[in-house]
C-alpha atoms as a PDB file:
ATOM      1  CA  MET A   1      -8.692   4.873   7.538  1.00  0.00           C
ATOM      2  CA  THR A   2      -8.178   8.100   5.646  1.00  0.00           C
ATOM      3  CA  LEU A   3      -7.497   8.099   1.922  1.00  0.00           C
ATOM      4  CA  ILE A   4      -4.171   9.832   2.505  1.00  0.00           C
ATOM      5  CA  LEU A   5      -3.054   6.821   4.550  1.00  0.00           C
ATOM      6  CA  SER A   6      -5.021   4.222   2.624  1.00  0.00           C
ATOM      7  CA  ILE A   7      -3.491   4.959  -0.777  1.00  0.00           C
ATOM      8  CA  PRO A   8       0.196   4.858   0.343  1.00  0.00           C
ATOM      9  CA  LEU A   9      -0.470   1.833   2.542  1.00  0.00           C
ATOM     10  CA  PHE A  10      -2.115  -0.046  -0.310  1.00  0.00           C
ATOM     11  CA  PHE A  11       0.737   0.864  -2.642  1.00  0.00           C
ATOM     12  CA  VAL A  12       3.348  -0.379  -0.185  1.00  0.00           C
ATOM     13  CA  THR A  13       1.472  -3.634   0.352  1.00  0.00           C
ATOM     14  CA  PHE A  14       1.110  -4.181  -3.386  1.00  0.00           C
ATOM     15  CA  ARG A  15       4.823  -3.565  -3.916  1.00  0.00           C
ATOM     16  CA  ALA A  16       5.773  -5.844  -1.031  1.00  0.00           C
ATOM     17  CA  GLY A  17       3.569  -8.600  -2.458  1.00  0.00           C
ATOM     18  CA  GLN A  18       5.116  -8.224  -5.897  1.00  0.00           C
ATOM     19  CA  HIS A  19       8.609  -8.266  -4.437  1.00  0.00           C
ATOM     20  CA  ARG A  20       7.936 -11.724  -2.982  1.00  0.00           C
END
């Protein structure tokens, strides 16, 4: 996975997890 896609993907996952 490229960094360009890894960073945004990680951010979205982190936000989704926090949203709970």
